[in-house]
Amino acid sequence: MGEPRADVAMGLLPPDVRGVRMDQPLHGGRLGIAEAALADQPANGITTMSTPSTRSGQRSTAYSRETAVAFVIDAVESTGAATRHDFDIDRIVTTAHAMADDWDLEALQPDTFWRIASSFIKQ
């Protein structure tokens, strides 16, 4: 039994480049009967998927304006040099949300976040 054969794509490729047409199946695949079995049943026998969080084990959080406000308050008070009352928290959240295009303000670079926060220090 020889190697599987595939149609060689011609057309948009330069004349010296050969390619495989991806819209055509390869005949006589290397897995043979096992290929059909793989399509019918997953190897572990589980038919439903449970995907863990992409943040390696951390709970997935639904971000909202409230979580963004909590993040900003925690950030500005974390240094101990200021309190939430020294900043216009609402304007920081609104501006950071517009910059990140998301309520997950941790997506912003720290320099960007602090540049925004420093713009809204109350006088």
PDB file of N, CA and C in Angstrom:
ATOM      1  N   MET A   1       0.850  -1.175   0.000  1.00  0.00           N
ATOM      2  CA  MET A   1       0.000   0.000   0.000  1.00  0.00           C
ATOM      3  C   MET A   1       0.896   1.238   0.000  1.00  0.00           C
ATOM      4  N   GLY A   2       0.670   2.151  -0.926  1.00  0.00           N
ATOM      5  CA  GLY A   2       1.519   3.322  -1.069  1.00  0.00           C
ATOM      6  C   GLY A   2       1.016   4.495  -0.243  1.00  0.00           C
ATOM      7  N   GLU A   3       1.714   5.597  -0.360  1.00  0.00           N
ATOM      8  CA  GLU A   3       1.337   6.827   0.320  1.00  0.00           C
ATOM      9  C   GLU A   3       0.014   7.340  -0.222  1.00  0.00           C
ATOM     10  N   PRO A   4      -0.793   8.021   0.620  1.00  0.00           N
ATOM     11  CA  PRO A   4      -2.023   8.638   0.128  1.00  0.00           C
ATOM     12  C   PRO A   4      -1.692   9.681  -0.924  1.00  0.00           C
ATOM     13  N   ARG A   5      -2.568   9.833  -1.892  1.00  0.00           N
ATOM     14  CA  ARG A   5      -2.347  10.818  -2.943  1.00  0.00           C
ATOM     15  C   ARG A   5      -3.344  11.947  -2.759  1.00  0.00           C
ATOM     16  N   ALA A   6      -2.957  13.109  -3.145  1.00  0.00           N
ATOM     17  CA  ALA A   6      -3.825  14.275  -3.052  1.00  0.00           C
ATOM     18  C   ALA A   6      -3.736  15.044  -4.353  1.00  0.00           C
ATOM     19  N   ASP A   7      -4.813  15.749  -4.664  1.00  0.00           N
ATOM     20  CA  ASP A   7      -4.798  16.603  -5.850  1.00  0.00           C
ATOM     21  C   ASP A   7      -3.839  17.755  -5.597  1.00  0.00           C
ATOM     22  N   VAL A   8      -3.072  18.103  -6.585  1.00  0.00           N
ATOM     23  CA  VAL A   8      -2.147  19.220  -6.470  1.00  0.00           C
ATOM     24  C   VAL A   8      -2.875  20.470  -6.937  1.00  0.00           C
ATOM     25  N   ALA A   9      -2.828  21.503  -6.090  1.00  0.00           N
ATOM     26  CA  ALA A   9      -3.525  22.744  -6.415  1.00  0.00           C
ATOM     27  C   ALA A   9      -2.753  23.519  -7.472  1.00  0.00           C
ATOM     28  N   MET A  10      -3.443  24.001  -8.436  1.00  0.00           N
ATOM     29  CA  MET A  10      -2.863  24.871  -9.459  1.00  0.00           C
ATOM     30  C   MET A  10      -3.743  26.109  -9.526  1.00  0.00           C
ATOM     31  N   GLY A  11      -3.232  27.169  -9.991  1.00  0.00           N
ATOM     32  CA  GLY A  11      -4.069  28.352 -10.151  1.00  0.00           C
ATOM     33  C   GLY A  11      -3.433  29.561  -9.499  1.00  0.00           C
ATOM     34  N   LEU A  12      -3.839  29.879  -8.259  1.00  0.00           N
ATOM     35  CA  LEU A  12      -3.369  31.086  -7.601  1.00  0.00           C
ATOM     36  C   LEU A  12      -1.942  30.975  -7.090  1.00  0.00           C
ATOM     37  N   LEU A  13      -1.412  29.761  -7.033  1.00  0.00           N
ATOM     38  CA  LEU A  13      -0.043  29.591  -6.571  1.00  0.00           C
ATOM     39  C   LEU A  13       0.937  29.914  -7.694  1.00  0.00           C
ATOM     40  N   PRO A  14       2.111  30.422  -7.354  1.00  0.00           N
ATOM     41  CA  PRO A  14       3.130  30.629  -8.382  1.00  0.00           C
ATOM     42  C   PRO A  14       3.465  29.292  -9.045  1.00  0.00           C
ATOM     43  N   PRO A  15       3.923  29.306 -10.292  1.00  0.00           N
ATOM     44  CA  PRO A  15       4.144  28.062 -11.020  1.00  0.00           C
ATOM     45  C   PRO A  15       5.153  27.116 -10.367  1.00  0.00           C
ATOM     46  N   ASP A  16       6.099  27.633  -9.561  1.00  0.00           N
ATOM     47  CA  ASP A  16       7.103  26.769  -8.963  1.00  0.00           C
ATOM     48  C   ASP A  16       6.711  26.257  -7.572  1.00  0.00           C
ATOM     49  N   VAL A  17       5.479  26.548  -7.112  1.00  0.00           N
ATOM     50  CA  VAL A  17       5.022  26.118  -5.792  1.00  0.00           C
ATOM     51  C   VAL A  17       3.896  25.111  -5.963  1.00  0.00           C
ATOM     52  N   ARG A  18       4.046  23.949  -5.303  1.00  0.00           N
ATOM     53  CA  ARG A  18       2.995  22.936  -5.333  1.00  0.00           C
ATOM     54  C   ARG A  18       2.290  22.934  -3.993  1.00  0.00           C
ATOM     55  N   GLY A  19       1.005  22.704  -3.988  1.00  0.00           N
ATOM     56  CA  GLY A  19       0.252  22.663  -2.741  1.00  0.00           C
ATOM     57  C   GLY A  19      -0.828  21.612  -2.796  1.00  0.00           C
ATOM     58  N   VAL A  20      -1.406  21.322  -1.665  1.00  0.00           N
ATOM     59  CA  VAL A  20      -2.479  20.344  -1.577  1.00  0.00           C
ATOM     60  C   VAL A  20      -3.794  21.099  -1.507  1.00  0.00           C
ATOM     61  N   ARG A  21      -4.764  20.642  -2.261  1.00  0.00           N
ATOM     62  CA  ARG A  21      -6.086  21.271  -2.205  1.00  0.00           C
ATOM     63  C   ARG A  21      -6.755  20.850  -0.903  1.00  0.00           C
ATOM     64  N   MET A  22      -7.053  21.805  -0.048  1.00  0.00           N
ATOM     65  CA  MET A  22      -7.602  21.499   1.260  1.00  0.00           C
ATOM     66  C   MET A  22      -9.091  21.193   1.214  1.00  0.00           C
ATOM     67  N   ASP A  23      -9.755  21.436   0.087  1.00  0.00           N
ATOM     68  CA  ASP A  23     -11.183  21.147   0.005  1.00  0.00           C
ATOM     69  C   ASP A  23     -11.459  19.724  -0.474  1.00  0.00           C
ATOM     70  N   GLN A  24     -10.415  18.941  -0.661  1.00  0.00           N
ATOM     71  CA  GLN A  24     -10.561  17.557  -1.112  1.00  0.00           C
ATOM     72  C   GLN A  24     -10.022  16.613  -0.041  1.00  0.00           C
ATOM     73  N   PRO A  25     -10.743  15.524   0.274  1.00  0.00           N
ATOM     74  CA  PRO A  25     -10.238  14.583   1.270  1.00  0.00           C
ATOM     75  C   PRO A  25      -9.060  13.786   0.717  1.00  0.00           C
ATOM     76  N   LEU A  26      -8.185  13.370   1.604  1.00  0.00           N
ATOM     77  CA  LEU A  26      -7.106  12.475   1.222  1.00  0.00           C
ATOM     78  C   LEU A  26      -7.676  11.059   1.206  1.00  0.00           C
ATOM     79  N   HIS A  27      -7.440  10.328   0.152  1.00  0.00           N
ATOM     80  CA  HIS A  27      -7.956   8.974   0.055  1.00  0.00           C
ATOM     81  C   HIS A  27      -6.922   8.006   0.600  1.00  0.00           C
ATOM     82  N   GLY A  28      -7.395   6.956   1.291  1.00  0.00           N
ATOM     83  CA  GLY A  28      -6.473   5.965   1.837  1.00  0.00           C
ATOM     84  C   GLY A  28      -5.657   6.524   2.975  1.00  0.00           C
ATOM     85  N   GLY A  29      -6.319   7.222   3.894  1.00  0.00           N
ATOM     86  CA  GLY A  29      -5.635   7.853   5.011  1.00  0.00           C
ATOM     87  C   GLY A  29      -4.808   6.873   5.826  1.00  0.00           C
ATOM     88  N   ARG A  30      -3.850   7.380   6.567  1.00  0.00           N
ATOM     89  CA  ARG A  30      -2.923   6.534   7.320  1.00  0.00           C
ATOM     90  C   ARG A  30      -3.621   5.772   8.442  1.00  0.00           C
ATOM     91  N   LEU A  31      -4.746   6.287   8.945  1.00  0.00           N
ATOM     92  CA  LEU A  31      -5.388   5.630  10.069  1.00  0.00           C
ATOM     93  C   LEU A  31      -6.419   4.590   9.649  1.00  0.00           C
ATOM     94  N   GLY A  32      -6.855   4.606   8.419  1.00  0.00           N
ATOM     95  CA  GLY A  32      -7.790   3.601   7.911  1.00  0.00           C
ATOM     96  C   GLY A  32      -9.059   3.516   8.730  1.00  0.00           C
ATOM     97  N   ILE A  33      -9.382   2.310   9.257  1.00  0.00           N
ATOM     98  CA  ILE A  33     -10.602   2.078  10.018  1.00  0.00           C
ATOM     99  C   ILE A  33     -10.608   2.878  11.309  1.00  0.00           C
ATOM    100  N   ALA A  34      -9.465   3.067  11.936  1.00  0.00           N
ATOM    101  CA  ALA A  34      -9.394   3.822  13.180  1.00  0.00           C
ATOM    102  C   ALA A  34      -9.866   5.252  12.982  1.00  0.00           C
ATOM    103  N   GLU A  35      -9.672   5.797  11.783  1.00  0.00           N
ATOM    104  CA  GLU A  35     -10.101   7.155  11.489  1.00  0.00           C
ATOM    105  C   GLU A  35     -11.606   7.292  11.671  1.00  0.00           C
ATOM    106  N   ALA A  36     -12.377   6.326  11.188  1.00  0.00           N
ATOM    107  CA  ALA A  36     -13.830   6.357  11.331  1.00  0.00           C
ATOM    108  C   ALA A  36     -14.228   6.198  12.789  1.00  0.00           C
ATOM    109  N   ALA A  37     -13.525   5.358  13.544  1.00  0.00           N
ATOM    110  CA  ALA A  37     -13.844   5.153  14.950  1.00  0.00           C
ATOM    111  C   ALA A  37     -13.597   6.423  15.750  1.00  0.00           C
ATOM    112  N   LEU A  38     -12.553   7.156  15.419  1.00  0.00           N
ATOM    113  CA  LEU A  38     -12.265   8.398  16.127  1.00  0.00           C
ATOM    114  C   LEU A  38     -13.376   9.416  15.929  1.00  0.00           C
ATOM    115  N   ALA A  39     -13.964   9.428  14.778  1.00  0.00           N
ATOM    116  CA  ALA A  39     -15.027  10.375  14.510  1.00  0.00           C
ATOM    117  C   ALA A  39     -16.305  10.013  15.259  1.00  0.00           C
ATOM    118  N   ASP A  40     -16.498   8.715  15.568  1.00  0.00           N
ATOM    119  CA  ASP A  40     -17.724   8.267  16.214  1.00  0.00           C
ATOM    120  C   ASP A  40     -17.703   8.433  17.727  1.00  0.00           C
ATOM    121  N   GLN A  41     -16.588   8.227  18.379  1.00  0.00           N
ATOM    122  CA  GLN A  41     -16.520   8.189  19.838  1.00  0.00           C
ATOM    123  C   GLN A  41     -15.232   8.837  20.322  1.00  0.00           C
ATOM    124  N   PRO A  42     -15.306   9.761  21.291  1.00  0.00           N
ATOM    125  CA  PRO A  42     -14.075  10.326  21.829  1.00  0.00           C
ATOM    126  C   PRO A  42     -13.258   9.253  22.547  1.00  0.00           C
ATOM    127  N   ALA A  43     -11.964   9.438  22.604  1.00  0.00           N
ATOM    128  CA  ALA A  43     -11.063   8.440  23.181  1.00  0.00           C
ATOM    129  C   ALA A  43     -11.351   8.181  24.654  1.00  0.00           C
ATOM    130  N   ASN A  44     -11.766   9.215  25.401  1.00  0.00           N
ATOM    131  CA  ASN A  44     -12.005   9.023  26.828  1.00  0.00           C
ATOM    132  C   ASN A  44     -13.429   8.588  27.132  1.00  0.00           C
ATOM    133  N   GLY A  45     -14.288   8.480  26.122  1.00  0.00           N
ATOM    134  CA  GLY A  45     -15.656   8.029  26.320  1.00  0.00           C
ATOM    135  C   GLY A  45     -16.607   9.103  26.822  1.00  0.00           C
ATOM    136  N   ILE A  46     -16.101  10.277  27.134  1.00  0.00           N
ATOM    137  CA  ILE A  46     -16.957  11.359  27.627  1.00  0.00           C
ATOM    138  C   ILE A  46     -17.526  12.105  26.430  1.00  0.00           C
ATOM    139  N   THR A  47     -18.843  12.267  26.424  1.00  0.00           N
ATOM    140  CA  THR A  47     -19.468  12.904  25.270  1.00  0.00           C
ATOM    141  C   THR A  47     -19.767  14.375  25.499  1.00  0.00           C
ATOM    142  N   THR A  48     -19.613  14.873  26.728  1.00  0.00           N
ATOM    143  CA  THR A  48     -19.793  16.298  26.971  1.00  0.00           C
ATOM    144  C   THR A  48     -18.456  16.870  27.407  1.00  0.00           C
ATOM    145  N   MET A  49     -18.214  18.114  27.034  1.00  0.00           N
ATOM    146  CA  MET A  49     -16.936  18.732  27.363  1.00  0.00           C
ATOM    147  C   MET A  49     -17.080  19.673  28.541  1.00  0.00           C
ATOM    148  N   SER A  50     -16.101  19.703  29.374  1.00  0.00           N
ATOM    149  CA  SER A  50     -15.999  20.672  30.446  1.00  0.00           C
ATOM    150  C   SER A  50     -14.630  21.313  30.315  1.00  0.00           C
ATOM    151  N   THR A  51     -14.597  22.564  29.898  1.00  0.00           N
ATOM    152  CA  THR A  51     -13.331  23.237  29.651  1.00  0.00           C
ATOM    153  C   THR A  51     -12.962  24.095  30.855  1.00  0.00           C
ATOM    154  N   PRO A  52     -11.803  23.861  31.456  1.00  0.00           N
ATOM    155  CA  PRO A  52     -11.385  24.700  32.583  1.00  0.00           C
ATOM    156  C   PRO A  52     -11.060  26.110  32.108  1.00  0.00           C
ATOM    157  N   SER A  53     -11.029  27.016  33.046  1.00  0.00           N
ATOM    158  CA  SER A  53     -10.711  28.406  32.733  1.00  0.00           C
ATOM    159  C   SER A  53      -9.350  28.499  32.065  1.00  0.00           C
ATOM    160  N   THR A  54      -9.201  29.461  31.161  1.00  0.00           N
ATOM    161  CA  THR A  54      -7.928  29.651  30.481  1.00  0.00           C
ATOM    162  C   THR A  54      -6.895  30.297  31.391  1.00  0.00           C
ATOM    163  N   ARG A  55      -7.307  30.760  32.534  1.00  0.00           N
ATOM    164  CA  ARG A  55      -6.367  31.381  33.466  1.00  0.00           C
ATOM    165  C   ARG A  55      -5.851  30.368  34.474  1.00  0.00           C
ATOM    166  N   SER A  56      -5.609  29.176  34.021  1.00  0.00           N
ATOM    167  CA  SER A  56      -5.028  28.072  34.789  1.00  0.00           C
ATOM    168  C   SER A  56      -5.604  27.927  36.196  1.00  0.00           C
ATOM    169  N   GLY A  57      -6.835  27.499  36.242  1.00  0.00           N
ATOM    170  CA  GLY A  57      -7.432  27.121  37.506  1.00  0.00           C
ATOM    171  C   GLY A  57      -8.187  28.218  38.222  1.00  0.00           C
ATOM    172  N   GLN A  58      -8.056  29.452  37.828  1.00  0.00           N
ATOM    173  CA  GLN A  58      -8.801  30.511  38.488  1.00  0.00           C
ATOM    174  C   GLN A  58     -10.252  30.477  38.032  1.00  0.00           C
ATOM    175  N   ARG A  59     -11.122  30.917  38.933  1.00  0.00           N
ATOM    176  CA  ARG A  59     -12.525  30.982  38.558  1.00  0.00           C
ATOM    177  C   ARG A  59     -12.699  32.009  37.452  1.00  0.00           C
ATOM    178  N   SER A  60     -13.617  31.728  36.536  1.00  0.00           N
ATOM    179  CA  SER A  60     -13.899  32.738  35.525  1.00  0.00           C
ATOM    180  C   SER A  60     -14.848  33.752  36.147  1.00  0.00           C
ATOM    181  N   THR A  61     -14.577  35.012  35.922  1.00  0.00           N
ATOM    182  CA  THR A  61     -15.338  36.089  36.527  1.00  0.00           C
ATOM    183  C   THR A  61     -16.145  36.796  35.460  1.00  0.00           C
ATOM    184  N   ALA A  62     -17.377  37.091  35.796  1.00  0.00           N
ATOM    185  CA  ALA A  62     -18.192  37.908  34.903  1.00  0.00           C
ATOM    186  C   ALA A  62     -17.880  39.359  35.247  1.00  0.00           C
ATOM    187  N   TYR A  63     -17.230  40.047  34.343  1.00  0.00           N
ATOM    188  CA  TYR A  63     -16.830  41.422  34.607  1.00  0.00           C
ATOM    189  C   TYR A  63     -17.989  42.374  34.328  1.00  0.00           C
ATOM    190  N   SER A  64     -18.099  43.395  35.163  1.00  0.00           N
ATOM    191  CA  SER A  64     -19.169  44.383  35.040  1.00  0.00           C
ATOM    192  C   SER A  64     -18.632  45.721  35.532  1.00  0.00           C
ATOM    193  N   ARG A  65     -19.466  46.730  35.487  1.00  0.00           N
ATOM    194  CA  ARG A  65     -19.065  48.036  36.009  1.00  0.00           C
ATOM    195  C   ARG A  65     -18.701  47.922  37.490  1.00  0.00           C
ATOM    196  N   GLU A  66     -19.442  47.105  38.213  1.00  0.00           N
ATOM    197  CA  GLU A  66     -19.187  46.945  39.649  1.00  0.00           C
ATOM    198  C   GLU A  66     -17.816  46.314  39.908  1.00  0.00           C
ATOM    199  N   THR A  67     -17.441  45.311  39.118  1.00  0.00           N
ATOM    200  CA  THR A  67     -16.119  44.702  39.308  1.00  0.00           C
ATOM    201  C   THR A  67     -15.020  45.681  38.910  1.00  0.00           C
ATOM    202  N   ALA A  68     -15.293  46.522  37.911  1.00  0.00           N
ATOM    203  CA  ALA A  68     -14.311  47.528  37.498  1.00  0.00           C
ATOM    204  C   ALA A  68     -14.129  48.573  38.594  1.00  0.00           C
ATOM    205  N   VAL A  69     -15.229  49.000  39.230  1.00  0.00           N
ATOM    206  CA  VAL A  69     -15.144  49.964  40.335  1.00  0.00           C
ATOM    207  C   VAL A  69     -14.329  49.359  41.476  1.00  0.00           C
ATOM    208  N   ALA A  70     -14.600  48.111  41.822  1.00  0.00           N
ATOM    209  CA  ALA A  70     -13.858  47.444  42.896  1.00  0.00           C
ATOM    210  C   ALA A  70     -12.377  47.354  42.556  1.00  0.00           C
ATOM    211  N   PHE A  71     -12.056  47.049  41.293  1.00  0.00           N
ATOM    212  CA  PHE A  71     -10.661  46.972  40.860  1.00  0.00           C
ATOM    213  C   PHE A  71      -9.968  48.319  41.031  1.00  0.00           C
ATOM    214  N   VAL A  72     -10.625  49.401  40.603  1.00  0.00           N
ATOM    215  CA  VAL A  72     -10.021  50.741  40.684  1.00  0.00           C
ATOM    216  C   VAL A  72      -9.817  51.144  42.139  1.00  0.00           C
ATOM    217  N   ILE A  73     -10.816  50.917  42.982  1.00  0.00           N
ATOM    218  CA  ILE A  73     -10.673  51.267  44.401  1.00  0.00           C
ATOM    219  C   ILE A  73      -9.530  50.488  45.029  1.00  0.00           C
ATOM    220  N   ASP A  74      -9.459  49.194  44.744  1.00  0.00           N
ATOM    221  CA  ASP A  74      -8.378  48.375  45.283  1.00  0.00           C
ATOM    222  C   ASP A  74      -7.018  48.875  44.799  1.00  0.00           C
ATOM    223  N   ALA A  75      -6.935  49.230  43.536  1.00  0.00           N
ATOM    224  CA  ALA A  75      -5.657  49.686  42.969  1.00  0.00           C
ATOM    225  C   ALA A  75      -5.206  51.001  43.601  1.00  0.00           C
ATOM    226  N   VAL A  76      -6.099  51.980  43.706  1.00  0.00           N
ATOM    227  CA  VAL A  76      -5.670  53.290  44.222  1.00  0.00           C
ATOM    228  C   VAL A  76      -5.402  53.253  45.719  1.00  0.00           C
ATOM    229  N   GLU A  77      -6.048  52.341  46.436  1.00  0.00           N
ATOM    230  CA  GLU A  77      -5.809  52.259  47.879  1.00  0.00           C
ATOM    231  C   GLU A  77      -4.686  51.288  48.230  1.00  0.00           C
ATOM    232  N   SER A  78      -4.221  50.501  47.256  1.00  0.00           N
ATOM    233  CA  SER A  78      -3.217  49.474  47.533  1.00  0.00           C
ATOM    234  C   SER A  78      -1.872  50.044  47.953  1.00  0.00           C
ATOM    235  N   THR A  79      -1.563  51.245  47.522  1.00  0.00           N
ATOM    236  CA  THR A  79      -0.267  51.833  47.886  1.00  0.00           C
ATOM    237  C   THR A  79      -0.280  52.395  49.300  1.00  0.00           C
ATOM    238  N   GLY A  80      -1.452  52.675  49.831  1.00  0.00           N
ATOM    239  CA  GLY A  80      -1.554  53.274  51.157  1.00  0.00           C
ATOM    240  C   GLY A  80      -1.347  54.777  51.142  1.00  0.00           C
ATOM    241  N   ALA A  81      -1.017  55.335  49.992  1.00  0.00           N
ATOM    242  CA  ALA A  81      -0.753  56.775  49.886  1.00  0.00           C
ATOM    243  C   ALA A  81      -2.027  57.577  49.617  1.00  0.00           C
ATOM    244  N   ALA A  82      -3.099  56.915  49.226  1.00  0.00           N
ATOM    245  CA  ALA A  82      -4.331  57.629  48.887  1.00  0.00           C
ATOM    246  C   ALA A  82      -5.532  56.742  49.207  1.00  0.00           C
ATOM    247  N   THR A  83      -6.698  57.350  49.210  1.00  0.00           N
ATOM    248  CA  THR A  83      -7.942  56.606  49.401  1.00  0.00           C
ATOM    249  C   THR A  83      -8.841  56.858  48.201  1.00  0.00           C
ATOM    250  N   ARG A  84      -9.926  56.119  48.151  1.00  0.00           N
ATOM    251  CA  ARG A  84     -10.894  56.295  47.055  1.00  0.00           C
ATOM    252  C   ARG A  84     -11.442  57.713  46.998  1.00  0.00           C
ATOM    253  N   HIS A  85     -11.421  58.410  48.124  1.00  0.00           N
ATOM    254  CA  HIS A  85     -11.974  59.763  48.172  1.00  0.00           C
ATOM    255  C   HIS A  85     -11.040  60.792  47.539  1.00  0.00           C
ATOM    256  N   ASP A  86      -9.804  60.392  47.242  1.00  0.00           N
ATOM    257  CA  ASP A  86      -8.840  61.282  46.597  1.00  0.00           C
ATOM    258  C   ASP A  86      -8.950  61.249  45.077  1.00  0.00           C
ATOM    259  N   PHE A  87      -9.736  60.321  44.534  1.00  0.00           N
ATOM    260  CA  PHE A  87      -9.873  60.135  43.093  1.00  0.00           C
ATOM    261  C   PHE A  87     -11.338  60.191  42.680  1.00  0.00           C
ATOM    262  N   ASP A  88     -11.574  60.562  41.428  1.00  0.00           N
ATOM    263  CA  ASP A  88     -12.909  60.477  40.840  1.00  0.00           C
ATOM    264  C   ASP A  88     -13.038  59.071  40.244  1.00  0.00           C
ATOM    265  N   ILE A  89     -13.452  58.125  41.061  1.00  0.00           N
ATOM    266  CA  ILE A  89     -13.490  56.713  40.686  1.00  0.00           C
ATOM    267  C   ILE A  89     -14.367  56.488  39.460  1.00  0.00           C
ATOM    268  N   ASP A  90     -15.530  57.140  39.420  1.00  0.00           N
ATOM    269  CA  ASP A  90     -16.451  56.947  38.296  1.00  0.00           C
ATOM    270  C   ASP A  90     -15.808  57.343  36.967  1.00  0.00           C
ATOM    271  N   ARG A  91     -15.101  58.457  36.947  1.00  0.00           N
ATOM    272  CA  ARG A  91     -14.453  58.886  35.700  1.00  0.00           C
ATOM    273  C   ARG A  91     -13.278  57.985  35.329  1.00  0.00           C
ATOM    274  N   ILE A  92     -12.559  57.470  36.321  1.00  0.00           N
ATOM    275  CA  ILE A  92     -11.477  56.526  36.032  1.00  0.00           C
ATOM    276  C   ILE A  92     -12.060  55.276  35.382  1.00  0.00           C
ATOM    277  N   VAL A  93     -13.138  54.742  35.968  1.00  0.00           N
ATOM    278  CA  VAL A  93     -13.762  53.528  35.442  1.00  0.00           C
ATOM    279  C   VAL A  93     -14.280  53.765  34.029  1.00  0.00           C
ATOM    280  N   THR A  94     -14.954  54.877  33.816  1.00  0.00           N
ATOM    281  CA  THR A  94     -15.515  55.178  32.493  1.00  0.00           C
ATOM    282  C   THR A  94     -14.417  55.303  31.440  1.00  0.00           C
ATOM    283  N   THR A  95     -13.352  56.012  31.759  1.00  0.00           N
ATOM    284  CA  THR A  95     -12.251  56.205  30.810  1.00  0.00           C
ATOM    285  C   THR A  95     -11.493  54.903  30.560  1.00  0.00           C
ATOM    286  N   ALA A  96     -11.208  54.161  31.631  1.00  0.00           N
ATOM    287  CA  ALA A  96     -10.479  52.896  31.476  1.00  0.00           C
ATOM    288  C   ALA A  96     -11.312  51.886  30.686  1.00  0.00           C
ATOM    289  N   HIS A  97     -12.612  51.881  30.938  1.00  0.00           N
ATOM    290  CA  HIS A  97     -13.501  50.976  30.186  1.00  0.00           C
ATOM    291  C   HIS A  97     -13.476  51.325  28.702  1.00  0.00           C
ATOM    292  N   ALA A  98     -13.492  52.608  28.389  1.00  0.00           N
ATOM    293  CA  ALA A  98     -13.442  53.032  26.984  1.00  0.00           C
ATOM    294  C   ALA A  98     -12.107  52.639  26.342  1.00  0.00           C
ATOM    295  N   MET A  99     -11.017  52.737  27.096  1.00  0.00           N
ATOM    296  CA  MET A  99      -9.699  52.383  26.559  1.00  0.00           C
ATOM    297  C   MET A  99      -9.552  50.874  26.359  1.00  0.00           C
ATOM    298  N   ALA A 100     -10.037  50.093  27.340  1.00  0.00           N
ATOM    299  CA  ALA A 100      -9.886  48.638  27.282  1.00  0.00           C
ATOM    300  C   ALA A 100     -10.961  47.989  26.427  1.00  0.00           C
ATOM    301  N   ASP A 101     -12.058  48.702  26.204  1.00  0.00           N
ATOM    302  CA  ASP A 101     -13.216  48.156  25.496  1.00  0.00           C
ATOM    303  C   ASP A 101     -13.696  46.879  26.193  1.00  0.00           C
ATOM    304  N   ASP A 102     -13.581  46.894  27.523  1.00  0.00           N
ATOM    305  CA  ASP A 102     -13.947  45.730  28.326  1.00  0.00           C
ATOM    306  C   ASP A 102     -14.060  46.198  29.773  1.00  0.00           C
ATOM    307  N   TRP A 103     -14.867  45.483  30.569  1.00  0.00           N
ATOM    308  CA  TRP A 103     -14.952  45.798  31.995  1.00  0.00           C
ATOM    309  C   TRP A 103     -13.803  45.169  32.765  1.00  0.00           C
ATOM    310  N   ASP A 104     -13.050  44.273  32.167  1.00  0.00           N
ATOM    311  CA  ASP A 104     -11.882  43.677  32.816  1.00  0.00           C
ATOM    312  C   ASP A 104     -10.726  44.661  32.672  1.00  0.00           C
ATOM    313  N   LEU A 105     -10.581  45.527  33.664  1.00  0.00           N
ATOM    314  CA  LEU A 105      -9.573  46.586  33.569  1.00  0.00           C
ATOM    315  C   LEU A 105      -8.156  46.060  33.767  1.00  0.00           C
ATOM    316  N   GLU A 106      -8.026  44.808  34.212  1.00  0.00           N
ATOM    317  CA  GLU A 106      -6.704  44.209  34.311  1.00  0.00           C
ATOM    318  C   GLU A 106      -6.092  43.994  32.929  1.00  0.00           C
ATOM    319  N   ALA A 107      -6.924  44.100  31.892  1.00  0.00           N
ATOM    320  CA  ALA A 107      -6.438  43.952  30.525  1.00  0.00           C
ATOM    321  C   ALA A 107      -5.572  45.149  30.116  1.00  0.00           C
ATOM    322  N   LEU A 108      -5.730  46.264  30.811  1.00  0.00           N
ATOM    323  CA  LEU A 108      -4.911  47.450  30.514  1.00  0.00           C
ATOM    324  C   LEU A 108      -3.491  47.258  31.035  1.00  0.00           C
ATOM    325  N   GLN A 109      -2.538  47.837  30.347  1.00  0.00           N
ATOM    326  CA  GLN A 109      -1.175  47.876  30.852  1.00  0.00           C
ATOM    327  C   GLN A 109      -1.164  48.734  32.115  1.00  0.00           C
ATOM    328  N   PRO A 110      -0.394  48.380  33.130  1.00  0.00           N
ATOM    329  CA  PRO A 110      -0.359  49.181  34.361  1.00  0.00           C
ATOM    330  C   PRO A 110      -0.047  50.659  34.114  1.00  0.00           C
ATOM    331  N   ASP A 111       0.889  50.945  33.210  1.00  0.00           N
ATOM    332  CA  ASP A 111       1.206  52.354  32.922  1.00  0.00           C
ATOM    333  C   ASP A 111      -0.008  53.100  32.400  1.00  0.00           C
ATOM    334  N   THR A 112      -0.768  52.450  31.556  1.00  0.00           N
ATOM    335  CA  THR A 112      -1.975  53.079  31.001  1.00  0.00           C
ATOM    336  C   THR A 112      -2.993  53.328  32.107  1.00  0.00           C
ATOM    337  N   PHE A 113      -3.202  52.311  32.951  1.00  0.00           N
ATOM    338  CA  PHE A 113      -4.153  52.483  34.055  1.00  0.00           C
ATOM    339  C   PHE A 113      -3.753  53.659  34.948  1.00  0.00           C
ATOM    340  N   TRP A 114      -2.485  53.721  35.342  1.00  0.00           N
ATOM    341  CA  TRP A 114      -2.060  54.777  36.260  1.00  0.00           C
ATOM    342  C   TRP A 114      -2.055  56.155  35.596  1.00  0.00           C
ATOM    343  N   ARG A 115      -1.832  56.195  34.307  1.00  0.00           N
ATOM    344  CA  ARG A 115      -1.936  57.469  33.588  1.00  0.00           C
ATOM    345  C   ARG A 115      -3.378  57.972  33.646  1.00  0.00           C
ATOM    346  N   ILE A 116      -4.337  57.056  33.458  1.00  0.00           N
ATOM    347  CA  ILE A 116      -5.755  57.428  33.544  1.00  0.00           C
ATOM    348  C   ILE A 116      -6.084  57.868  34.964  1.00  0.00           C
ATOM    349  N   ALA A 117      -5.682  57.057  35.948  1.00  0.00           N
ATOM    350  CA  ALA A 117      -6.004  57.370  37.346  1.00  0.00           C
ATOM    351  C   ALA A 117      -5.427  58.717  37.760  1.00  0.00           C
ATOM    352  N   SER A 118      -4.193  58.996  37.362  1.00  0.00           N
ATOM    353  CA  SER A 118      -3.574  60.256  37.759  1.00  0.00           C
ATOM    354  C   SER A 118      -4.255  61.472  37.138  1.00  0.00           C
ATOM    355  N   SER A 119      -4.989  61.245  36.066  1.00  0.00           N
ATOM    356  CA  SER A 119      -5.721  62.346  35.433  1.00  0.00           C
ATOM    357  C   SER A 119      -6.959  62.739  36.220  1.00  0.00           C
ATOM    358  N   PHE A 120      -7.379  61.881  37.143  1.00  0.00           N
ATOM    359  CA  PHE A 120      -8.629  62.140  37.860  1.00  0.00           C
ATOM    360  C   PHE A 120      -8.424  62.209  39.378  1.00  0.00           C
ATOM    361  N   ILE A 121      -7.298  62.814  39.774  1.00  0.00           N
ATOM    362  CA  ILE A 121      -7.073  63.080  41.198  1.00  0.00           C
ATOM    363  C   ILE A 121      -7.896  64.308  41.541  1.00  0.00           C
ATOM    364  N   LYS A 122      -8.672  64.192  42.626  1.00  0.00           N
ATOM    365  CA  LYS A 122      -9.499  65.337  43.044  1.00  0.00           C
ATOM    366  C   LYS A 122      -8.599  66.424  43.633  1.00  0.00           C
ATOM    367  N   GLN A 123      -8.954  67.679  43.378  1.00  0.00           N
ATOM    368  CA  GLN A 123      -8.191  68.823  43.891  1.00  0.00           C
ATOM    369  C   GLN A 123      -8.652  69.217  45.258  1.00  0.00           C
TER     370      GLN A 123
END
